[in-house]
Amino acid sequence: MDLRKDDLARDLDAALQTRKELGKEYENEVVDSFLARIDSRLDARVEQRVAERLGEAGAERPRGNPHTKIQVLSLVMGIPLSGVAAGTAGLAGLVVCWAGIVGINLSSALAGRGRGQQRRDGWG
């Protein structure tokens, strides 16, 4: 923790020295640069803490269904695709679009189900 404070103090000192050398006309740029360094450090610390917590949570409980991403993405993409399909081909286009979305979700669900059964049977 002291190492981080020392790095931060060094960065602040460097920013102040740079401001003295460049003058007030570059003050905004110097401050923005210093704040960007602080922001990147904060982001790194938050990412580290989130990764640690996810690691702890992952050790406590099993992961969710990996096919969920495909299913959610297909539904999210269904909104603009529905608009395009209905606008260009009318009701028939809308039916074809949603038939494709249902097909993607159904095949994803069945693929995940089949793999789970293989593992339980000792084949996977």
N, C-alpha and C. Protein backbone atom coordinates (compact mmCIF):
# COMPACT_ATOMS: atom_id res chain seq x y z
N MET A 1 0.83 -1.19 0.00
CA MET A 1 0.00 0.00 0.00
C MET A 1 0.87 1.25 0.00
N ASP A 2 1.97 1.25 0.73
CA ASP A 2 2.86 2.41 0.77
C ASP A 2 3.49 2.65 -0.59
N LEU A 3 3.75 1.58 -1.32
CA LEU A 3 4.35 1.70 -2.65
C LEU A 3 3.40 2.46 -3.57
N ARG A 4 2.11 2.20 -3.47
CA ARG A 4 1.13 2.91 -4.30
C ARG A 4 1.09 4.38 -3.93
N LYS A 5 1.15 4.67 -2.63
CA LYS A 5 1.14 6.06 -2.19
C LYS A 5 2.40 6.78 -2.66
N ASP A 6 3.54 6.09 -2.61
CA ASP A 6 4.79 6.68 -3.09
C ASP A 6 4.71 6.97 -4.59
N ASP A 7 4.15 6.03 -5.36
CA ASP A 7 3.99 6.25 -6.80
C ASP A 7 3.06 7.42 -7.07
N LEU A 8 1.98 7.50 -6.32
CA LEU A 8 1.03 8.59 -6.48
C LEU A 8 1.67 9.93 -6.12
N ALA A 9 2.44 9.94 -5.04
CA ALA A 9 3.13 11.18 -4.64
C ALA A 9 4.14 11.60 -5.70
N ARG A 10 4.84 10.61 -6.28
CA ARG A 10 5.81 10.93 -7.35
C ARG A 10 5.10 11.49 -8.58
N ASP A 11 3.97 10.88 -8.93
CA ASP A 11 3.22 11.38 -10.08
C ASP A 11 2.69 12.79 -9.85
N LEU A 12 2.20 13.04 -8.64
CA LEU A 12 1.71 14.37 -8.31
C LEU A 12 2.85 15.39 -8.36
N ASP A 13 4.00 15.03 -7.80
CA ASP A 13 5.16 15.91 -7.82
C ASP A 13 5.59 16.20 -9.26
N ALA A 14 5.58 15.15 -10.09
CA ALA A 14 5.97 15.34 -11.50
C ALA A 14 4.98 16.26 -12.21
N ALA A 15 3.69 16.10 -11.91
CA ALA A 15 2.68 16.96 -12.52
C ALA A 15 2.86 18.41 -12.09
N LEU A 16 3.18 18.63 -10.81
CA LEU A 16 3.39 20.00 -10.33
C LEU A 16 4.64 20.61 -10.96
N GLN A 17 5.70 19.83 -11.07
CA GLN A 17 6.92 20.34 -11.70
C GLN A 17 6.68 20.66 -13.17
N THR A 18 5.93 19.80 -13.84
CA THR A 18 5.61 20.04 -15.25
C THR A 18 4.79 21.30 -15.39
N ARG A 19 3.85 21.51 -14.49
CA ARG A 19 3.03 22.72 -14.53
C ARG A 19 3.88 23.96 -14.33
N LYS A 20 4.86 23.88 -13.43
CA LYS A 20 5.75 25.02 -13.20
C LYS A 20 6.58 25.33 -14.43
N GLU A 21 7.07 24.27 -15.09
CA GLU A 21 7.91 24.47 -16.27
C GLU A 21 7.12 24.98 -17.46
N LEU A 22 5.91 24.45 -17.66
CA LEU A 22 5.14 24.81 -18.85
C LEU A 22 4.30 26.07 -18.65
N GLY A 23 3.97 26.39 -17.43
CA GLY A 23 3.19 27.58 -17.17
C GLY A 23 1.70 27.30 -17.12
N LYS A 24 0.94 28.37 -16.84
CA LYS A 24 -0.50 28.23 -16.65
C LYS A 24 -1.24 27.86 -17.93
N GLU A 25 -0.67 28.17 -19.08
CA GLU A 25 -1.40 27.89 -20.33
C GLU A 25 -1.58 26.39 -20.58
N TYR A 26 -0.73 25.57 -19.96
CA TYR A 26 -0.85 24.11 -20.12
C TYR A 26 -1.38 23.43 -18.86
N GLU A 27 -1.91 24.22 -17.94
CA GLU A 27 -2.36 23.68 -16.68
C GLU A 27 -3.47 22.63 -16.86
N ASN A 28 -4.44 22.91 -17.72
CA ASN A 28 -5.53 21.96 -17.93
C ASN A 28 -5.01 20.62 -18.46
N GLU A 29 -4.07 20.66 -19.39
CA GLU A 29 -3.53 19.42 -19.96
C GLU A 29 -2.75 18.63 -18.92
N VAL A 30 -2.00 19.32 -18.07
CA VAL A 30 -1.23 18.65 -17.03
C VAL A 30 -2.17 17.99 -16.02
N VAL A 31 -3.19 18.72 -15.62
CA VAL A 31 -4.16 18.17 -14.66
C VAL A 31 -4.90 17.00 -15.28
N ASP A 32 -5.32 17.13 -16.54
CA ASP A 32 -6.02 16.03 -17.22
C ASP A 32 -5.15 14.79 -17.31
N SER A 33 -3.88 14.98 -17.59
CA SER A 33 -2.96 13.84 -17.68
C SER A 33 -2.81 13.16 -16.32
N PHE A 34 -2.68 13.95 -15.27
CA PHE A 34 -2.56 13.38 -13.92
C PHE A 34 -3.83 12.63 -13.54
N LEU A 35 -4.98 13.22 -13.83
CA LEU A 35 -6.25 12.56 -13.51
C LEU A 35 -6.44 11.29 -14.33
N ALA A 36 -5.96 11.28 -15.55
CA ALA A 36 -6.05 10.07 -16.37
C ALA A 36 -5.22 8.94 -15.77
N ARG A 37 -4.04 9.27 -15.23
CA ARG A 37 -3.21 8.25 -14.57
C ARG A 37 -3.91 7.71 -13.32
N ILE A 38 -4.52 8.60 -12.55
CA ILE A 38 -5.25 8.16 -11.36
C ILE A 38 -6.43 7.28 -11.77
N ASP A 39 -7.12 7.70 -12.81
CA ASP A 39 -8.28 6.94 -13.29
C ASP A 39 -7.87 5.54 -13.74
N SER A 40 -6.76 5.44 -14.45
CA SER A 40 -6.33 4.11 -14.90
C SER A 40 -5.91 3.23 -13.72
N ARG A 41 -5.31 3.84 -12.70
CA ARG A 41 -4.96 3.07 -11.50
C ARG A 41 -6.20 2.58 -10.76
N LEU A 42 -7.18 3.46 -10.66
CA LEU A 42 -8.43 3.06 -10.01
C LEU A 42 -9.11 1.93 -10.78
N ASP A 43 -9.12 2.05 -12.12
CA ASP A 43 -9.71 1.00 -12.93
C ASP A 43 -9.00 -0.33 -12.71
N ALA A 44 -7.68 -0.29 -12.65
CA ALA A 44 -6.92 -1.52 -12.43
C ALA A 44 -7.24 -2.13 -11.06
N ARG A 45 -7.35 -1.28 -10.05
CA ARG A 45 -7.66 -1.79 -8.70
C ARG A 45 -9.07 -2.38 -8.65
N VAL A 46 -10.01 -1.71 -9.30
CA VAL A 46 -11.38 -2.22 -9.31
C VAL A 46 -11.44 -3.55 -10.06
N GLU A 47 -10.77 -3.63 -11.21
CA GLU A 47 -10.75 -4.88 -11.96
C GLU A 47 -10.11 -6.00 -11.15
N GLN A 48 -9.05 -5.69 -10.42
CA GLN A 48 -8.40 -6.70 -9.59
C GLN A 48 -9.35 -7.19 -8.49
N ARG A 49 -10.04 -6.26 -7.85
CA ARG A 49 -10.96 -6.66 -6.79
C ARG A 49 -12.14 -7.45 -7.33
N VAL A 50 -12.65 -7.05 -8.48
CA VAL A 50 -13.76 -7.80 -9.09
C VAL A 50 -13.30 -9.20 -9.45
N ALA A 51 -12.10 -9.31 -10.02
CA ALA A 51 -11.58 -10.63 -10.39
C ALA A 51 -11.40 -11.50 -9.15
N GLU A 52 -10.92 -10.90 -8.07
CA GLU A 52 -10.76 -11.66 -6.83
C GLU A 52 -12.11 -12.14 -6.31
N ARG A 53 -13.09 -11.27 -6.34
CA ARG A 53 -14.42 -11.65 -5.84
C ARG A 53 -15.07 -12.68 -6.74
N LEU A 54 -14.90 -12.52 -8.05
CA LEU A 54 -15.46 -13.52 -8.97
C LEU A 54 -14.76 -14.86 -8.77
N GLY A 55 -13.48 -14.82 -8.50
CA GLY A 55 -12.75 -16.06 -8.22
C GLY A 55 -13.28 -16.73 -6.98
N GLU A 56 -13.56 -15.95 -5.96
CA GLU A 56 -14.12 -16.49 -4.72
C GLU A 56 -15.52 -17.03 -4.96
N ALA A 57 -16.31 -16.28 -5.72
CA ALA A 57 -17.68 -16.72 -6.00
C ALA A 57 -17.68 -17.96 -6.88
N GLY A 58 -16.74 -18.02 -7.83
CA GLY A 58 -16.65 -19.18 -8.71
C GLY A 58 -16.25 -20.42 -7.95
N ALA A 59 -15.46 -20.26 -6.92
CA ALA A 59 -15.04 -21.41 -6.11
C ALA A 59 -16.19 -21.90 -5.24
N GLU A 60 -17.11 -21.00 -4.90
CA GLU A 60 -18.21 -21.37 -4.02
C GLU A 60 -19.36 -22.03 -4.76
N ARG A 61 -19.62 -21.61 -6.00
CA ARG A 61 -20.77 -22.15 -6.71
C ARG A 61 -20.39 -22.43 -8.16
N PRO A 62 -21.10 -23.34 -8.81
CA PRO A 62 -20.77 -23.67 -10.19
C PRO A 62 -21.16 -22.54 -11.13
N ARG A 63 -20.52 -22.53 -12.30
CA ARG A 63 -20.80 -21.51 -13.30
C ARG A 63 -22.17 -21.73 -13.92
N GLY A 64 -22.71 -20.66 -14.52
CA GLY A 64 -24.01 -20.75 -15.17
C GLY A 64 -23.90 -21.42 -16.53
N ASN A 65 -25.00 -21.43 -17.23
CA ASN A 65 -25.08 -22.04 -18.54
C ASN A 65 -24.29 -21.20 -19.55
N PRO A 66 -23.30 -21.78 -20.23
CA PRO A 66 -22.53 -21.00 -21.20
C PRO A 66 -23.33 -20.62 -22.43
N HIS A 67 -24.44 -21.28 -22.66
CA HIS A 67 -25.27 -20.98 -23.83
C HIS A 67 -26.16 -19.77 -23.60
N THR A 68 -26.19 -19.27 -22.39
CA THR A 68 -27.03 -18.12 -22.08
C THR A 68 -26.62 -16.90 -22.89
N LYS A 69 -25.32 -16.73 -23.13
CA LYS A 69 -24.85 -15.58 -23.91
C LYS A 69 -25.44 -15.61 -25.31
N ILE A 70 -25.45 -16.77 -25.93
CA ILE A 70 -26.00 -16.90 -27.28
C ILE A 70 -27.48 -16.58 -27.27
N GLN A 71 -28.18 -17.10 -26.28
CA GLN A 71 -29.62 -16.89 -26.22
C GLN A 71 -29.97 -15.42 -25.99
N VAL A 72 -29.26 -14.77 -25.08
CA VAL A 72 -29.52 -13.35 -24.80
C VAL A 72 -29.16 -12.50 -26.01
N LEU A 73 -28.03 -12.79 -26.63
CA LEU A 73 -27.62 -12.03 -27.82
C LEU A 73 -28.63 -12.18 -28.94
N SER A 74 -29.15 -13.36 -29.13
CA SER A 74 -30.13 -13.55 -30.21
C SER A 74 -31.40 -12.75 -29.94
N LEU A 75 -31.80 -12.66 -28.68
CA LEU A 75 -32.99 -11.87 -28.36
C LEU A 75 -32.74 -10.37 -28.50
N VAL A 76 -31.56 -9.93 -28.09
CA VAL A 76 -31.22 -8.51 -28.22
C VAL A 76 -31.15 -8.12 -29.69
N MET A 77 -30.54 -8.98 -30.49
CA MET A 77 -30.45 -8.69 -31.93
C MET A 77 -31.81 -8.84 -32.61
N GLY A 78 -32.73 -9.56 -31.97
CA GLY A 78 -34.06 -9.73 -32.54
C GLY A 78 -34.84 -8.44 -32.65
N ILE A 79 -34.54 -7.48 -31.81
CA ILE A 79 -35.28 -6.22 -31.83
C ILE A 79 -35.02 -5.45 -33.14
N PRO A 80 -33.76 -5.14 -33.46
CA PRO A 80 -33.56 -4.42 -34.72
C PRO A 80 -33.86 -5.29 -35.95
N LEU A 81 -33.58 -6.59 -35.86
CA LEU A 81 -33.88 -7.46 -36.99
C LEU A 81 -35.38 -7.53 -37.25
N SER A 82 -36.18 -7.49 -36.21
CA SER A 82 -37.64 -7.50 -36.38
C SER A 82 -38.09 -6.25 -37.11
N GLY A 83 -37.52 -5.12 -36.75
CA GLY A 83 -37.88 -3.88 -37.42
C GLY A 83 -37.53 -3.89 -38.89
N VAL A 84 -36.33 -4.38 -39.19
CA VAL A 84 -35.90 -4.45 -40.59
C VAL A 84 -36.76 -5.44 -41.36
N ALA A 85 -36.99 -6.62 -40.77
CA ALA A 85 -37.77 -7.65 -41.46
C ALA A 85 -39.20 -7.20 -41.69
N ALA A 86 -39.83 -6.61 -40.70
CA ALA A 86 -41.20 -6.15 -40.85
C ALA A 86 -41.29 -4.98 -41.82
N GLY A 87 -40.28 -4.12 -41.81
CA GLY A 87 -40.29 -2.96 -42.70
C GLY A 87 -40.08 -3.32 -44.15
N THR A 88 -39.30 -4.34 -44.42
CA THR A 88 -39.01 -4.69 -45.81
C THR A 88 -39.90 -5.79 -46.36
N ALA A 89 -40.27 -6.78 -45.54
CA ALA A 89 -41.04 -7.92 -46.05
C ALA A 89 -42.38 -8.08 -45.36
N GLY A 90 -42.71 -7.20 -44.47
CA GLY A 90 -44.02 -7.26 -43.81
C GLY A 90 -44.10 -8.39 -42.80
N LEU A 91 -45.30 -8.93 -42.65
CA LEU A 91 -45.55 -9.95 -41.66
C LEU A 91 -44.75 -11.23 -41.95
N ALA A 92 -44.61 -11.56 -43.22
CA ALA A 92 -43.86 -12.76 -43.59
C ALA A 92 -42.40 -12.63 -43.16
N GLY A 93 -41.81 -11.49 -43.35
CA GLY A 93 -40.43 -11.26 -42.93
C GLY A 93 -40.28 -11.35 -41.42
N LEU A 94 -41.27 -10.82 -40.71
CA LEU A 94 -41.24 -10.87 -39.25
C LEU A 94 -41.34 -12.31 -38.75
N VAL A 95 -42.19 -13.11 -39.38
CA VAL A 95 -42.33 -14.51 -38.99
C VAL A 95 -41.04 -15.28 -39.26
N VAL A 96 -40.41 -15.04 -40.41
CA VAL A 96 -39.15 -15.71 -40.74
C VAL A 96 -38.05 -15.30 -39.77
N CYS A 97 -38.00 -14.02 -39.43
CA CYS A 97 -36.99 -13.52 -38.49
C CYS A 97 -37.13 -14.21 -37.14
N TRP A 98 -38.33 -14.25 -36.60
CA TRP A 98 -38.53 -14.86 -35.29
C TRP A 98 -38.43 -16.37 -35.32
N ALA A 99 -38.72 -16.98 -36.46
CA ALA A 99 -38.48 -18.43 -36.58
C ALA A 99 -36.99 -18.72 -36.48
N GLY A 100 -36.18 -17.86 -37.08
CA GLY A 100 -34.72 -18.01 -36.97
C GLY A 100 -34.24 -17.83 -35.54
N ILE A 101 -34.78 -16.84 -34.85
CA ILE A 101 -34.39 -16.60 -33.45
C ILE A 101 -34.78 -17.79 -32.57
N VAL A 102 -35.99 -18.30 -32.76
CA VAL A 102 -36.43 -19.47 -32.01
C VAL A 102 -35.54 -20.66 -32.32
N GLY A 103 -35.17 -20.82 -33.59
CA GLY A 103 -34.29 -21.92 -33.98
C GLY A 103 -32.93 -21.83 -33.32
N ILE A 104 -32.36 -20.65 -33.28
CA ILE A 104 -31.06 -20.45 -32.64
C ILE A 104 -31.14 -20.79 -31.15
N ASN A 105 -32.18 -20.28 -30.49
CA ASN A 105 -32.32 -20.54 -29.05
C ASN A 105 -32.59 -22.01 -28.77
N LEU A 106 -33.39 -22.63 -29.60
CA LEU A 106 -33.70 -24.04 -29.41
C LEU A 106 -32.46 -24.91 -29.61
N SER A 107 -31.71 -24.64 -30.67
CA SER A 107 -30.51 -25.44 -30.92
C SER A 107 -29.46 -25.21 -29.84
N SER A 108 -29.35 -24.00 -29.34
CA SER A 108 -28.41 -23.72 -28.26
C SER A 108 -28.81 -24.45 -26.99
N ALA A 109 -30.09 -24.45 -26.68
CA ALA A 109 -30.56 -25.13 -25.47
C ALA A 109 -30.38 -26.64 -25.59
N LEU A 110 -30.67 -27.18 -26.76
CA LEU A 110 -30.51 -28.62 -26.95
C LEU A 110 -29.04 -29.03 -26.95
N ALA A 111 -28.18 -28.20 -27.50
CA ALA A 111 -26.74 -28.51 -27.51
C ALA A 111 -26.20 -28.53 -26.09
N GLY A 112 -26.60 -27.59 -25.26
CA GLY A 112 -26.17 -27.56 -23.87
C GLY A 112 -26.71 -28.73 -23.09
N ARG A 113 -27.92 -29.12 -23.40
CA ARG A 113 -28.54 -30.24 -22.71
C ARG A 113 -27.86 -31.55 -23.07
N GLY A 114 -27.53 -31.72 -24.34
CA GLY A 114 -26.86 -32.94 -24.79
C GLY A 114 -25.49 -33.10 -24.18
N ARG A 115 -24.74 -32.03 -24.06
CA ARG A 115 -23.41 -32.10 -23.46
C ARG A 115 -23.49 -32.43 -21.99
N GLY A 116 -24.49 -31.88 -21.31
CA GLY A 116 -24.65 -32.18 -19.89
C GLY A 116 -24.97 -33.64 -19.66
N GLN A 117 -25.79 -34.23 -20.55
CA GLN A 117 -26.13 -35.64 -20.41
C GLN A 117 -24.92 -36.51 -20.68
N GLN A 118 -24.09 -36.12 -21.65
CA GLN A 118 -22.88 -36.90 -21.93
C GLN A 118 -21.97 -36.93 -20.72
N ARG A 119 -21.81 -35.83 -20.06
CA ARG A 119 -20.94 -35.78 -18.90
C ARG A 119 -21.48 -36.67 -17.78
N ARG A 120 -22.79 -36.62 -17.57
CA ARG A 120 -23.38 -37.43 -16.52
C ARG A 120 -23.25 -38.93 -16.85
N ASP A 121 -23.31 -39.27 -18.13
CA ASP A 121 -23.20 -40.66 -18.53
C ASP A 121 -21.76 -41.15 -18.54
N GLY A 122 -20.80 -40.22 -18.39
CA GLY A 122 -19.40 -40.60 -18.38
C GLY A 122 -18.73 -40.57 -19.74
N TRP A 123 -19.40 -40.01 -20.77
CA TRP A 123 -18.84 -39.97 -22.11
C TRP A 123 -18.11 -38.68 -22.42
N GLY A 124 -18.24 -37.61 -21.60
CA GLY A 124 -17.67 -36.32 -21.96
C GLY A 124 -16.53 -35.90 -21.19
